[in-house]
Amino acid sequence: MPKATKLAPAEAEIMDGIWEMEPPVTVREVHSKLYPNGEKALTTVQTMMNILADKGFLSRKKTGMVNFYTPKLSREQAAQMEARSLVSRLFHGSFGALAAHLINSGSLSKEELRELKTLIDSKASDKEDSKKK
């Protein structure tokens, strides 16, 4: 489990790139994929990847002069961790309060509300089925 529970925006950007690549990856490979036109310096990417390794999101193995990095968490695991952190900080640990906020915020489209309702109905049905067994 990582030492930190939250990714900064720049860290999330780099992790997104790494999750799309075949591990292990090098700094140069990540830099080439994410910033092919030099939008960020190679040394900036290197620093960010080392921070991610120090935080426990990446493992780092040195072979010769090159560090190879592998994600310690899947994208889904990181999303779960971030969601738990958000719910803990802003909704006193209640995922129901988060769901109510999203539904009442007016931010969800009708299609998103339909999808959410279908998902809730499906999960409720699954729980009822498991109670019957």
N, C-alpha and C. Protein backbone atom coordinates (compact mmCIF):
# COMPACT_ATOMS: atom_id res chain seq x y z
N MET A 1 0.84 -1.18 0.00
CA MET A 1 0.00 0.00 0.00
C MET A 1 0.89 1.24 0.00
N PRO A 2 0.58 2.21 -0.85
CA PRO A 2 1.40 3.42 -0.91
C PRO A 2 1.40 4.19 0.40
N LYS A 3 2.45 4.96 0.60
CA LYS A 3 2.57 5.80 1.79
C LYS A 3 1.58 6.96 1.72
N ALA A 4 1.28 7.44 0.51
CA ALA A 4 0.34 8.53 0.31
C ALA A 4 -0.93 7.97 -0.30
N THR A 5 -2.04 8.70 -0.13
CA THR A 5 -3.31 8.22 -0.67
C THR A 5 -3.79 9.09 -1.82
N LYS A 6 -3.09 10.15 -2.11
CA LYS A 6 -3.56 11.09 -3.11
C LYS A 6 -2.46 11.39 -4.12
N LEU A 7 -2.84 11.48 -5.37
CA LEU A 7 -1.91 11.86 -6.43
C LEU A 7 -2.13 13.33 -6.77
N ALA A 8 -1.05 14.08 -6.83
CA ALA A 8 -1.13 15.46 -7.31
C ALA A 8 -1.45 15.40 -8.81
N PRO A 9 -2.01 16.47 -9.38
CA PRO A 9 -2.37 16.44 -10.81
C PRO A 9 -1.22 16.01 -11.73
N ALA A 10 -0.03 16.52 -11.52
CA ALA A 10 1.11 16.14 -12.37
C ALA A 10 1.48 14.68 -12.17
N GLU A 11 1.35 14.18 -10.94
CA GLU A 11 1.63 12.77 -10.67
C GLU A 11 0.59 11.88 -11.34
N ALA A 12 -0.68 12.28 -11.28
CA ALA A 12 -1.75 11.52 -11.92
C ALA A 12 -1.54 11.45 -13.43
N GLU A 13 -1.08 12.54 -14.01
CA GLU A 13 -0.82 12.58 -15.45
C GLU A 13 0.25 11.57 -15.83
N ILE A 14 1.30 11.49 -15.03
CA ILE A 14 2.37 10.55 -15.30
C ILE A 14 1.91 9.11 -15.06
N MET A 15 1.16 8.89 -13.97
CA MET A 15 0.64 7.54 -13.71
C MET A 15 -0.29 7.09 -14.83
N ASP A 16 -1.13 7.99 -15.34
CA ASP A 16 -2.01 7.64 -16.46
C ASP A 16 -1.20 7.12 -17.64
N GLY A 17 -0.10 7.81 -17.94
CA GLY A 17 0.76 7.37 -19.04
C GLY A 17 1.40 6.02 -18.77
N ILE A 18 1.86 5.83 -17.55
CA ILE A 18 2.51 4.57 -17.19
C ILE A 18 1.51 3.41 -17.26
N TRP A 19 0.28 3.64 -16.78
CA TRP A 19 -0.73 2.57 -16.81
C TRP A 19 -1.05 2.14 -18.24
N GLU A 20 -0.85 3.02 -19.20
CA GLU A 20 -1.13 2.69 -20.60
C GLU A 20 0.04 1.98 -21.28
N MET A 21 1.17 1.90 -20.60
CA MET A 21 2.37 1.31 -21.18
C MET A 21 2.59 -0.10 -20.61
N GLU A 22 3.44 -0.85 -21.28
CA GLU A 22 3.81 -2.18 -20.82
C GLU A 22 4.98 -2.04 -19.84
N PRO A 23 4.77 -2.39 -18.56
CA PRO A 23 5.86 -2.24 -17.58
C PRO A 23 6.91 -3.33 -17.75
N PRO A 24 8.11 -3.11 -17.28
CA PRO A 24 8.58 -1.88 -16.65
C PRO A 24 8.90 -0.81 -17.69
N VAL A 25 8.89 0.45 -17.23
CA VAL A 25 9.15 1.58 -18.12
C VAL A 25 10.31 2.41 -17.59
N THR A 26 10.94 3.13 -18.50
CA THR A 26 12.01 4.05 -18.12
C THR A 26 11.48 5.48 -18.17
N VAL A 27 12.20 6.38 -17.57
CA VAL A 27 11.84 7.80 -17.60
C VAL A 27 11.78 8.28 -19.05
N ARG A 28 12.76 7.89 -19.83
CA ARG A 28 12.82 8.33 -21.23
C ARG A 28 11.59 7.85 -22.01
N GLU A 29 11.15 6.62 -21.78
CA GLU A 29 9.96 6.09 -22.46
C GLU A 29 8.70 6.88 -22.07
N VAL A 30 8.56 7.16 -20.79
CA VAL A 30 7.39 7.91 -20.31
C VAL A 30 7.43 9.33 -20.87
N HIS A 31 8.59 9.94 -20.84
CA HIS A 31 8.74 11.30 -21.37
C HIS A 31 8.38 11.34 -22.85
N SER A 32 8.87 10.37 -23.61
CA SER A 32 8.59 10.33 -25.05
C SER A 32 7.10 10.14 -25.33
N LYS A 33 6.45 9.31 -24.53
CA LYS A 33 5.01 9.05 -24.73
C LYS A 33 4.17 10.27 -24.36
N LEU A 34 4.44 10.84 -23.20
CA LEU A 34 3.58 11.92 -22.69
C LEU A 34 3.92 13.30 -23.23
N TYR A 35 5.17 13.54 -23.50
CA TYR A 35 5.62 14.88 -23.90
C TYR A 35 6.51 14.81 -25.13
N PRO A 36 5.98 14.31 -26.24
CA PRO A 36 6.80 14.10 -27.44
C PRO A 36 7.39 15.38 -28.01
N ASN A 37 6.77 16.50 -27.69
CA ASN A 37 7.28 17.78 -28.20
C ASN A 37 8.04 18.56 -27.13
N GLY A 38 8.44 17.87 -26.08
CA GLY A 38 9.25 18.50 -25.04
C GLY A 38 8.48 19.46 -24.15
N GLU A 39 7.16 19.22 -23.97
CA GLU A 39 6.34 20.11 -23.15
C GLU A 39 6.83 20.16 -21.71
N LYS A 40 7.44 19.08 -21.25
CA LYS A 40 8.07 19.03 -19.93
C LYS A 40 9.47 18.49 -20.12
N ALA A 41 10.36 18.94 -19.27
CA ALA A 41 11.75 18.48 -19.34
C ALA A 41 11.86 17.03 -18.87
N LEU A 42 12.79 16.32 -19.45
CA LEU A 42 13.08 14.94 -19.05
C LEU A 42 13.38 14.87 -17.56
N THR A 43 14.12 15.83 -17.05
CA THR A 43 14.48 15.83 -15.62
C THR A 43 13.25 16.04 -14.73
N THR A 44 12.25 16.77 -15.22
CA THR A 44 11.01 16.96 -14.46
C THR A 44 10.28 15.63 -14.34
N VAL A 45 10.19 14.90 -15.44
CA VAL A 45 9.54 13.58 -15.44
C VAL A 45 10.30 12.64 -14.51
N GLN A 46 11.62 12.70 -14.58
CA GLN A 46 12.45 11.85 -13.71
C GLN A 46 12.18 12.17 -12.24
N THR A 47 12.13 13.44 -11.90
CA THR A 47 11.86 13.85 -10.52
C THR A 47 10.49 13.36 -10.08
N MET A 48 9.48 13.53 -10.94
CA MET A 48 8.12 13.11 -10.60
C MET A 48 8.04 11.59 -10.41
N MET A 49 8.71 10.85 -11.27
CA MET A 49 8.68 9.39 -11.14
C MET A 49 9.40 8.93 -9.88
N ASN A 50 10.45 9.61 -9.50
CA ASN A 50 11.14 9.27 -8.25
C ASN A 50 10.26 9.60 -7.04
N ILE A 51 9.52 10.70 -7.11
CA ILE A 51 8.58 11.04 -6.05
C ILE A 51 7.50 9.96 -5.95
N LEU A 52 6.98 9.53 -7.12
CA LEU A 52 5.96 8.48 -7.13
C LEU A 52 6.51 7.18 -6.53
N ALA A 53 7.77 6.89 -6.79
CA ALA A 53 8.39 5.70 -6.19
C ALA A 53 8.53 5.88 -4.68
N ASP A 54 8.96 7.06 -4.25
CA ASP A 54 9.10 7.33 -2.81
C ASP A 54 7.75 7.27 -2.09
N LYS A 55 6.68 7.68 -2.78
CA LYS A 55 5.34 7.65 -2.20
C LYS A 55 4.74 6.24 -2.22
N GLY A 56 5.37 5.33 -2.97
CA GLY A 56 4.89 3.95 -3.02
C GLY A 56 3.95 3.63 -4.16
N PHE A 57 3.80 4.54 -5.13
CA PHE A 57 2.95 4.26 -6.28
C PHE A 57 3.69 3.48 -7.36
N LEU A 58 5.01 3.60 -7.39
CA LEU A 58 5.85 2.89 -8.35
C LEU A 58 6.94 2.13 -7.62
N SER A 59 7.35 1.00 -8.18
CA SER A 59 8.57 0.36 -7.70
C SER A 59 9.67 0.75 -8.68
N ARG A 60 10.89 0.81 -8.17
CA ARG A 60 12.02 1.25 -8.99
C ARG A 60 13.13 0.22 -8.84
N LYS A 61 13.65 -0.21 -10.00
CA LYS A 61 14.76 -1.16 -10.00
C LYS A 61 15.82 -0.66 -10.96
N LYS A 62 17.02 -0.54 -10.45
CA LYS A 62 18.12 -0.04 -11.28
C LYS A 62 18.85 -1.21 -11.93
N THR A 63 19.00 -1.12 -13.25
CA THR A 63 19.76 -2.09 -14.01
C THR A 63 20.81 -1.30 -14.77
N GLY A 64 22.06 -1.50 -14.39
CA GLY A 64 23.12 -0.70 -14.99
C GLY A 64 22.93 0.76 -14.59
N MET A 65 22.83 1.63 -15.58
CA MET A 65 22.67 3.06 -15.32
C MET A 65 21.20 3.51 -15.41
N VAL A 66 20.29 2.58 -15.67
CA VAL A 66 18.90 2.94 -15.95
C VAL A 66 17.96 2.41 -14.87
N ASN A 67 17.04 3.28 -14.42
CA ASN A 67 15.99 2.87 -13.50
C ASN A 67 14.78 2.40 -14.31
N PHE A 68 14.22 1.28 -13.88
CA PHE A 68 13.00 0.75 -14.48
C PHE A 68 11.90 0.84 -13.43
N TYR A 69 10.75 1.33 -13.86
CA TYR A 69 9.63 1.59 -12.95
C TYR A 69 8.44 0.71 -13.31
N THR A 70 7.77 0.22 -12.27
CA THR A 70 6.57 -0.60 -12.44
C THR A 70 5.52 -0.08 -11.47
N PRO A 71 4.27 0.06 -11.93
CA PRO A 71 3.21 0.51 -11.01
C PRO A 71 2.97 -0.53 -9.92
N LYS A 72 2.79 -0.06 -8.70
CA LYS A 72 2.46 -0.96 -7.59
C LYS A 72 0.96 -1.12 -7.45
N LEU A 73 0.20 -0.20 -8.06
CA LEU A 73 -1.25 -0.24 -8.01
C LEU A 73 -1.82 -0.16 -9.42
N SER A 74 -2.96 -0.78 -9.62
CA SER A 74 -3.67 -0.60 -10.88
C SER A 74 -4.39 0.75 -10.85
N ARG A 75 -4.85 1.18 -12.00
CA ARG A 75 -5.61 2.43 -12.09
C ARG A 75 -6.86 2.32 -11.18
N GLU A 76 -7.51 1.16 -11.18
CA GLU A 76 -8.72 0.95 -10.38
C GLU A 76 -8.41 1.04 -8.89
N GLN A 77 -7.30 0.45 -8.47
CA GLN A 77 -6.92 0.51 -7.06
C GLN A 77 -6.63 1.95 -6.63
N ALA A 78 -5.94 2.69 -7.50
CA ALA A 78 -5.65 4.10 -7.19
C ALA A 78 -6.94 4.91 -7.12
N ALA A 79 -7.89 4.64 -8.02
CA ALA A 79 -9.17 5.35 -8.02
C ALA A 79 -9.93 5.06 -6.73
N GLN A 80 -9.92 3.80 -6.29
CA GLN A 80 -10.58 3.44 -5.03
C GLN A 80 -9.96 4.18 -3.85
N MET A 81 -8.65 4.24 -3.84
CA MET A 81 -7.94 4.93 -2.77
C MET A 81 -8.28 6.42 -2.75
N GLU A 82 -8.28 7.04 -3.93
CA GLU A 82 -8.61 8.46 -4.04
C GLU A 82 -10.05 8.71 -3.60
N ALA A 83 -10.96 7.81 -4.02
CA ALA A 83 -12.37 7.97 -3.66
C ALA A 83 -12.54 7.87 -2.14
N ARG A 84 -11.89 6.88 -1.53
CA ARG A 84 -11.96 6.74 -0.07
C ARG A 84 -11.43 7.98 0.63
N SER A 85 -10.35 8.53 0.11
CA SER A 85 -9.76 9.74 0.69
C SER A 85 -10.73 10.92 0.59
N LEU A 86 -11.32 11.10 -0.59
CA LEU A 86 -12.28 12.19 -0.80
C LEU A 86 -13.48 12.04 0.13
N VAL A 87 -14.05 10.84 0.18
CA VAL A 87 -15.23 10.59 1.03
C VAL A 87 -14.88 10.81 2.49
N SER A 88 -13.72 10.38 2.89
CA SER A 88 -13.29 10.57 4.28
C SER A 88 -13.14 12.05 4.62
N ARG A 89 -12.52 12.81 3.72
CA ARG A 89 -12.27 14.23 3.99
C ARG A 89 -13.52 15.10 3.90
N LEU A 90 -14.36 14.85 2.89
CA LEU A 90 -15.47 15.78 2.62
C LEU A 90 -16.85 15.28 3.03
N PHE A 91 -17.00 13.96 3.21
CA PHE A 91 -18.32 13.40 3.47
C PHE A 91 -18.34 12.53 4.73
N HIS A 92 -17.41 12.77 5.64
CA HIS A 92 -17.34 12.06 6.92
C HIS A 92 -17.39 10.55 6.75
N GLY A 93 -16.77 10.06 5.68
CA GLY A 93 -16.68 8.63 5.45
C GLY A 93 -17.90 7.99 4.82
N SER A 94 -18.90 8.79 4.45
CA SER A 94 -20.15 8.24 3.92
C SER A 94 -20.19 8.31 2.40
N PHE A 95 -20.13 7.13 1.76
CA PHE A 95 -20.26 7.08 0.30
C PHE A 95 -21.68 7.46 -0.11
N GLY A 96 -22.66 7.15 0.75
CA GLY A 96 -24.04 7.55 0.49
C GLY A 96 -24.18 9.06 0.41
N ALA A 97 -23.48 9.77 1.28
CA ALA A 97 -23.52 11.24 1.25
C ALA A 97 -22.90 11.76 -0.05
N LEU A 98 -21.84 11.12 -0.52
CA LEU A 98 -21.25 11.49 -1.81
C LEU A 98 -22.24 11.26 -2.94
N ALA A 99 -22.90 10.09 -2.93
CA ALA A 99 -23.88 9.79 -3.98
C ALA A 99 -25.02 10.81 -3.95
N ALA A 100 -25.52 11.13 -2.76
CA ALA A 100 -26.60 12.12 -2.64
C ALA A 100 -26.14 13.47 -3.17
N HIS A 101 -24.91 13.83 -2.86
CA HIS A 101 -24.37 15.11 -3.35
C HIS A 101 -24.33 15.13 -4.88
N LEU A 102 -23.84 14.06 -5.46
CA LEU A 102 -23.76 13.99 -6.92
C LEU A 102 -25.15 14.06 -7.56
N ILE A 103 -26.08 13.34 -6.99
CA ILE A 103 -27.44 13.31 -7.54
C ILE A 103 -28.11 14.68 -7.40
N ASN A 104 -27.94 15.31 -6.25
CA ASN A 104 -28.61 16.59 -5.99
C ASN A 104 -27.88 17.80 -6.57
N SER A 105 -26.66 17.61 -7.04
CA SER A 105 -25.86 18.74 -7.52
C SER A 105 -26.34 19.30 -8.85
N GLY A 106 -27.07 18.49 -9.60
CA GLY A 106 -27.49 18.93 -10.93
C GLY A 106 -26.38 18.77 -11.96
N SER A 107 -25.27 18.16 -11.57
CA SER A 107 -24.12 18.00 -12.46
C SER A 107 -24.23 16.78 -13.36
N LEU A 108 -25.09 15.84 -12.99
CA LEU A 108 -25.21 14.61 -13.77
C LEU A 108 -26.27 14.78 -14.85
N SER A 109 -25.95 14.29 -16.04
CA SER A 109 -26.92 14.32 -17.14
C SER A 109 -28.01 13.28 -16.88
N LYS A 110 -29.09 13.36 -17.63
CA LYS A 110 -30.16 12.36 -17.51
C LYS A 110 -29.62 10.97 -17.79
N GLU A 111 -28.76 10.86 -18.79
CA GLU A 111 -28.16 9.56 -19.13
C GLU A 111 -27.31 9.04 -17.98
N GLU A 112 -26.52 9.90 -17.37
CA GLU A 112 -25.69 9.47 -16.23
C GLU A 112 -26.57 9.05 -15.05
N LEU A 113 -27.67 9.77 -14.82
CA LEU A 113 -28.59 9.39 -13.76
C LEU A 113 -29.23 8.03 -14.05
N ARG A 114 -29.61 7.78 -15.31
CA ARG A 114 -30.17 6.48 -15.69
C ARG A 114 -29.16 5.37 -15.45
N GLU A 115 -27.90 5.61 -15.87
CA GLU A 115 -26.85 4.60 -15.67
C GLU A 115 -26.64 4.33 -14.19
N LEU A 116 -26.64 5.38 -13.38
CA LEU A 116 -26.45 5.25 -11.94
C LEU A 116 -27.60 4.45 -11.33
N LYS A 117 -28.83 4.76 -11.74
CA LYS A 117 -30.00 4.03 -11.24
C LYS A 117 -29.91 2.55 -11.62
N THR A 118 -29.54 2.27 -12.85
CA THR A 118 -29.40 0.88 -13.29
C THR A 118 -28.35 0.16 -12.45
N LEU A 119 -27.24 0.80 -12.20
CA LEU A 119 -26.18 0.21 -11.39
C LEU A 119 -26.65 -0.05 -9.97
N ILE A 120 -27.35 0.91 -9.38
CA ILE A 120 -27.86 0.75 -8.01
C ILE A 120 -28.86 -0.40 -7.96
N ASP A 121 -29.78 -0.42 -8.92
CA ASP A 121 -30.77 -1.50 -8.96
C ASP A 121 -30.10 -2.86 -9.09
N SER A 122 -29.07 -2.95 -9.92
CA SER A 122 -28.35 -4.19 -10.13
C SER A 122 -27.66 -4.64 -8.85
N LYS A 123 -27.01 -3.71 -8.16
CA LYS A 123 -26.31 -4.05 -6.91
C LYS A 123 -27.30 -4.46 -5.83
N ALA A 124 -28.45 -3.76 -5.76
CA ALA A 124 -29.48 -4.11 -4.78
C ALA A 124 -30.01 -5.51 -5.05
N SER A 125 -30.21 -5.83 -6.31
CA SER A 125 -30.69 -7.15 -6.70
C SER A 125 -29.67 -8.23 -6.34
N ASP A 126 -28.38 -7.94 -6.56
CA ASP A 126 -27.32 -8.88 -6.20
C ASP A 126 -27.33 -9.16 -4.71
N LYS A 127 -27.53 -8.12 -3.90
CA LYS A 127 -27.54 -8.30 -2.44
C LYS A 127 -28.73 -9.13 -2.00
N GLU A 128 -29.89 -8.89 -2.62
CA GLU A 128 -31.08 -9.66 -2.29
C GLU A 128 -30.87 -11.13 -2.64
N ASP A 129 -30.28 -11.39 -3.79
CA ASP A 129 -30.02 -12.76 -4.23
C ASP A 129 -29.07 -13.47 -3.26
N SER A 130 -28.05 -12.76 -2.80
CA SER A 130 -27.07 -13.39 -1.90
C SER A 130 -27.69 -13.64 -0.52
N LYS A 131 -28.67 -12.85 -0.10
CA LYS A 131 -29.35 -13.08 1.18
C LYS A 131 -30.23 -14.32 1.13
N LYS A 132 -30.79 -14.60 -0.05
CA LYS A 132 -31.68 -15.75 -0.23
C LYS A 132 -30.93 -17.08 -0.16
N LYS A 133 -29.63 -17.04 -0.44
CA LYS A 133 -28.83 -18.28 -0.47
C LYS A 133 -28.46 -18.76 0.90
